[in-house]
Amino acid sequence: MLKKSLGKQIYRYRKQRKLSQEKLAELSDYSVDFISLVERGHYSPSVEGCARIAQALQIKLKTLFDIEIDPELSKKLSKTKKKP
C-alpha cells in the first residue's frame, strides 16, 4: 500500500512540474523503467533514492511521504499497539 501511495505522490508532483518520466529519470539519475515501476507502485526506492527524486521534483523529501495511510492498515497497526 505504501509503495502505491508513494508512486502516486511522485506521479502527482511530476505532472505538476510538467516533467516527463524521461526528464525525471535524467534529473534523478534513474532509468525511465525504474521511474515507471515506482509510479505504478511495483517498486520502492531507498530513502536516498527518494531524496534524489524529491530534489529532481524540487520538493522536500518529507513532502513525498505526506500520504494518507490506508484505513485497514491503520486498524491493524492500532490493534498491534494495544497488545501487551
N, C-alpha and C. Protein backbone atom coordinates (compact mmCIF):
# COMPACT_ATOMS: atom_id res chain seq x y z
N MET A 1 0.81 -1.20 0.00
CA MET A 1 0.00 0.00 0.00
C MET A 1 0.85 1.27 0.00
N LEU A 2 1.90 1.28 0.80
CA LEU A 2 2.74 2.47 0.85
C LEU A 2 3.48 2.69 -0.46
N LYS A 3 3.85 1.60 -1.13
CA LYS A 3 4.52 1.74 -2.43
C LYS A 3 3.61 2.46 -3.42
N LYS A 4 2.34 2.07 -3.43
CA LYS A 4 1.39 2.70 -4.36
C LYS A 4 1.18 4.16 -4.01
N SER A 5 1.08 4.46 -2.72
CA SER A 5 0.88 5.84 -2.29
C SER A 5 2.08 6.71 -2.65
N LEU A 6 3.27 6.17 -2.43
CA LEU A 6 4.48 6.90 -2.79
C LEU A 6 4.54 7.13 -4.29
N GLY A 7 4.21 6.11 -5.05
CA GLY A 7 4.19 6.23 -6.51
C GLY A 7 3.22 7.29 -6.99
N LYS A 8 2.05 7.34 -6.35
CA LYS A 8 1.05 8.35 -6.72
C LYS A 8 1.57 9.76 -6.43
N GLN A 9 2.27 9.91 -5.30
CA GLN A 9 2.84 11.21 -4.95
C GLN A 9 3.87 11.65 -5.99
N ILE A 10 4.74 10.73 -6.36
CA ILE A 10 5.77 11.06 -7.35
C ILE A 10 5.12 11.44 -8.67
N TYR A 11 4.14 10.66 -9.08
CA TYR A 11 3.41 10.94 -10.33
C TYR A 11 2.76 12.33 -10.26
N ARG A 12 2.09 12.60 -9.14
CA ARG A 12 1.39 13.88 -8.97
C ARG A 12 2.34 15.07 -9.09
N TYR A 13 3.46 15.01 -8.37
CA TYR A 13 4.40 16.13 -8.41
C TYR A 13 5.13 16.22 -9.75
N ARG A 14 5.36 15.08 -10.38
CA ARG A 14 5.98 15.11 -11.71
C ARG A 14 5.06 15.82 -12.70
N LYS A 15 3.77 15.50 -12.63
CA LYS A 15 2.81 16.15 -13.53
C LYS A 15 2.69 17.64 -13.22
N GLN A 16 2.69 18.00 -11.94
CA GLN A 16 2.62 19.42 -11.56
C GLN A 16 3.80 20.20 -12.12
N ARG A 17 4.96 19.56 -12.15
CA ARG A 17 6.17 20.21 -12.66
C ARG A 17 6.29 20.09 -14.18
N LYS A 18 5.29 19.43 -14.78
CA LYS A 18 5.26 19.23 -16.24
C LYS A 18 6.53 18.53 -16.73
N LEU A 19 6.93 17.50 -15.98
CA LEU A 19 8.09 16.71 -16.35
C LEU A 19 7.64 15.38 -16.94
N SER A 20 8.34 14.93 -17.94
CA SER A 20 8.10 13.58 -18.46
C SER A 20 8.84 12.59 -17.56
N GLN A 21 8.49 11.32 -17.70
CA GLN A 21 9.24 10.31 -16.96
C GLN A 21 10.71 10.33 -17.39
N GLU A 22 10.93 10.59 -18.65
CA GLU A 22 12.30 10.65 -19.17
C GLU A 22 13.10 11.75 -18.49
N LYS A 23 12.49 12.92 -18.34
CA LYS A 23 13.19 14.05 -17.73
C LYS A 23 13.42 13.80 -16.24
N LEU A 24 12.42 13.26 -15.55
CA LEU A 24 12.59 12.94 -14.13
C LEU A 24 13.70 11.89 -13.96
N ALA A 25 13.72 10.91 -14.83
CA ALA A 25 14.77 9.88 -14.78
C ALA A 25 16.14 10.53 -14.95
N GLU A 26 16.25 11.41 -15.90
CA GLU A 26 17.52 12.10 -16.16
C GLU A 26 17.95 12.93 -14.95
N LEU A 27 17.02 13.69 -14.38
CA LEU A 27 17.33 14.57 -13.26
C LEU A 27 17.67 13.80 -11.98
N SER A 28 17.07 12.64 -11.82
CA SER A 28 17.30 11.85 -10.60
C SER A 28 18.33 10.74 -10.79
N ASP A 29 18.85 10.64 -12.00
CA ASP A 29 19.86 9.63 -12.34
C ASP A 29 19.32 8.21 -12.18
N TYR A 30 18.09 8.02 -12.62
CA TYR A 30 17.45 6.70 -12.67
C TYR A 30 17.05 6.41 -14.10
N SER A 31 16.68 5.17 -14.36
CA SER A 31 16.18 4.81 -15.69
C SER A 31 14.69 5.14 -15.77
N VAL A 32 14.22 5.30 -16.98
CA VAL A 32 12.79 5.55 -17.20
C VAL A 32 11.99 4.35 -16.69
N ASP A 33 12.49 3.15 -16.92
CA ASP A 33 11.80 1.95 -16.45
C ASP A 33 11.64 1.97 -14.93
N PHE A 34 12.68 2.39 -14.22
CA PHE A 34 12.61 2.44 -12.76
C PHE A 34 11.55 3.45 -12.30
N ILE A 35 11.56 4.63 -12.90
CA ILE A 35 10.57 5.66 -12.54
C ILE A 35 9.16 5.13 -12.79
N SER A 36 8.98 4.47 -13.90
CA SER A 36 7.67 3.90 -14.24
C SER A 36 7.24 2.86 -13.20
N LEU A 37 8.14 1.98 -12.81
CA LEU A 37 7.82 0.97 -11.80
C LEU A 37 7.47 1.60 -10.46
N VAL A 38 8.19 2.63 -10.09
CA VAL A 38 7.92 3.32 -8.82
C VAL A 38 6.55 3.99 -8.88
N GLU A 39 6.27 4.70 -9.94
CA GLU A 39 4.98 5.40 -10.05
C GLU A 39 3.80 4.44 -10.04
N ARG A 40 4.00 3.24 -10.55
CA ARG A 40 2.92 2.24 -10.57
C ARG A 40 2.86 1.43 -9.28
N GLY A 41 3.74 1.71 -8.34
CA GLY A 41 3.71 1.03 -7.05
C GLY A 41 4.30 -0.36 -7.04
N HIS A 42 5.09 -0.68 -8.07
CA HIS A 42 5.71 -2.01 -8.13
C HIS A 42 7.06 -2.05 -7.44
N TYR A 43 7.64 -0.89 -7.21
CA TYR A 43 8.96 -0.83 -6.59
C TYR A 43 9.04 0.42 -5.74
N SER A 44 9.82 0.34 -4.67
CA SER A 44 10.00 1.48 -3.79
C SER A 44 11.49 1.81 -3.70
N PRO A 45 11.87 3.04 -4.01
CA PRO A 45 13.28 3.40 -3.93
C PRO A 45 13.74 3.50 -2.48
N SER A 46 15.04 3.45 -2.28
CA SER A 46 15.62 3.65 -0.95
C SER A 46 15.35 5.09 -0.50
N VAL A 47 15.66 5.38 0.74
CA VAL A 47 15.50 6.75 1.23
C VAL A 47 16.38 7.69 0.42
N GLU A 48 17.59 7.25 0.13
CA GLU A 48 18.49 8.06 -0.70
C GLU A 48 17.87 8.29 -2.08
N GLY A 49 17.27 7.26 -2.63
CA GLY A 49 16.61 7.37 -3.93
C GLY A 49 15.44 8.33 -3.88
N CYS A 50 14.68 8.26 -2.80
CA CYS A 50 13.56 9.19 -2.64
C CYS A 50 14.07 10.62 -2.56
N ALA A 51 15.21 10.80 -1.89
CA ALA A 51 15.80 12.14 -1.78
C ALA A 51 16.21 12.66 -3.16
N ARG A 52 16.77 11.79 -3.99
CA ARG A 52 17.15 12.20 -5.34
C ARG A 52 15.92 12.57 -6.17
N ILE A 53 14.87 11.80 -6.03
CA ILE A 53 13.63 12.09 -6.77
C ILE A 53 13.02 13.39 -6.27
N ALA A 54 12.98 13.57 -4.95
CA ALA A 54 12.43 14.80 -4.38
C ALA A 54 13.22 16.02 -4.86
N GLN A 55 14.53 15.90 -4.88
CA GLN A 55 15.37 17.01 -5.35
C GLN A 55 15.06 17.31 -6.82
N ALA A 56 14.91 16.28 -7.62
CA ALA A 56 14.59 16.47 -9.04
C ALA A 56 13.23 17.13 -9.22
N LEU A 57 12.31 16.83 -8.30
CA LEU A 57 10.96 17.42 -8.36
C LEU A 57 10.90 18.79 -7.68
N GLN A 58 12.01 19.19 -7.06
CA GLN A 58 12.11 20.47 -6.35
C GLN A 58 11.11 20.55 -5.19
N ILE A 59 11.04 19.45 -4.44
CA ILE A 59 10.20 19.41 -3.24
C ILE A 59 11.03 18.85 -2.10
N LYS A 60 10.55 19.06 -0.88
CA LYS A 60 11.23 18.50 0.28
C LYS A 60 10.95 17.00 0.35
N LEU A 61 11.90 16.27 0.87
CA LEU A 61 11.75 14.82 0.98
C LEU A 61 10.50 14.45 1.76
N LYS A 62 10.23 15.17 2.85
CA LYS A 62 9.07 14.84 3.67
C LYS A 62 7.76 15.00 2.90
N THR A 63 7.75 15.83 1.88
CA THR A 63 6.55 16.02 1.06
C THR A 63 6.16 14.73 0.35
N LEU A 64 7.15 13.95 -0.08
CA LEU A 64 6.85 12.67 -0.74
C LEU A 64 6.12 11.71 0.20
N PHE A 65 6.40 11.83 1.48
CA PHE A 65 5.81 10.91 2.45
C PHE A 65 4.58 11.47 3.14
N ASP A 66 4.09 12.59 2.67
CA ASP A 66 2.87 13.18 3.21
C ASP A 66 1.68 12.48 2.54
N ILE A 67 1.42 11.27 3.00
CA ILE A 67 0.39 10.44 2.37
C ILE A 67 -0.61 9.95 3.40
N GLU A 68 -1.79 9.64 2.92
CA GLU A 68 -2.82 9.07 3.77
C GLU A 68 -2.55 7.59 3.95
N ILE A 69 -2.65 7.12 5.17
CA ILE A 69 -2.47 5.70 5.44
C ILE A 69 -3.81 5.00 5.23
N ASP A 70 -3.75 3.86 4.58
CA ASP A 70 -4.93 3.06 4.31
C ASP A 70 -5.66 2.76 5.63
N PRO A 71 -6.99 2.97 5.69
CA PRO A 71 -7.74 2.73 6.93
C PRO A 71 -7.57 1.30 7.48
N GLU A 72 -7.50 0.31 6.62
CA GLU A 72 -7.31 -1.07 7.07
C GLU A 72 -5.95 -1.25 7.74
N LEU A 73 -4.93 -0.67 7.15
CA LEU A 73 -3.60 -0.74 7.74
C LEU A 73 -3.57 -0.02 9.08
N SER A 74 -4.25 1.10 9.16
CA SER A 74 -4.32 1.87 10.40
C SER A 74 -4.96 1.04 11.51
N LYS A 75 -6.04 0.31 11.18
CA LYS A 75 -6.70 -0.56 12.17
C LYS A 75 -5.75 -1.65 12.66
N LYS A 76 -5.04 -2.27 11.73
CA LYS A 76 -4.10 -3.33 12.10
C LYS A 76 -3.00 -2.79 13.00
N LEU A 77 -2.51 -1.61 12.69
CA LEU A 77 -1.44 -1.02 13.50
C LEU A 77 -1.93 -0.69 14.90
N SER A 78 -3.15 -0.17 15.01
CA SER A 78 -3.66 0.19 16.34
C SER A 78 -3.92 -1.06 17.17
N LYS A 79 -4.33 -2.16 16.55
CA LYS A 79 -4.52 -3.42 17.28
C LYS A 79 -3.19 -3.95 17.78
N THR A 80 -2.16 -3.82 16.99
CA THR A 80 -0.83 -4.29 17.36
C THR A 80 -0.30 -3.50 18.55
N LYS A 81 -0.55 -2.21 18.58
CA LYS A 81 -0.06 -1.36 19.67
C LYS A 81 -0.71 -1.72 21.00
N LYS A 82 -1.97 -2.17 20.98
CA LYS A 82 -2.71 -2.44 22.21
C LYS A 82 -2.29 -3.74 22.89
N LYS A 83 -1.62 -4.63 22.17
CA LYS A 83 -1.19 -5.89 22.77
C LYS A 83 -0.08 -5.64 23.78
N PRO A 84 -0.17 -6.31 24.96
CA PRO A 84 0.87 -6.10 25.98
C PRO A 84 2.19 -6.73 25.62
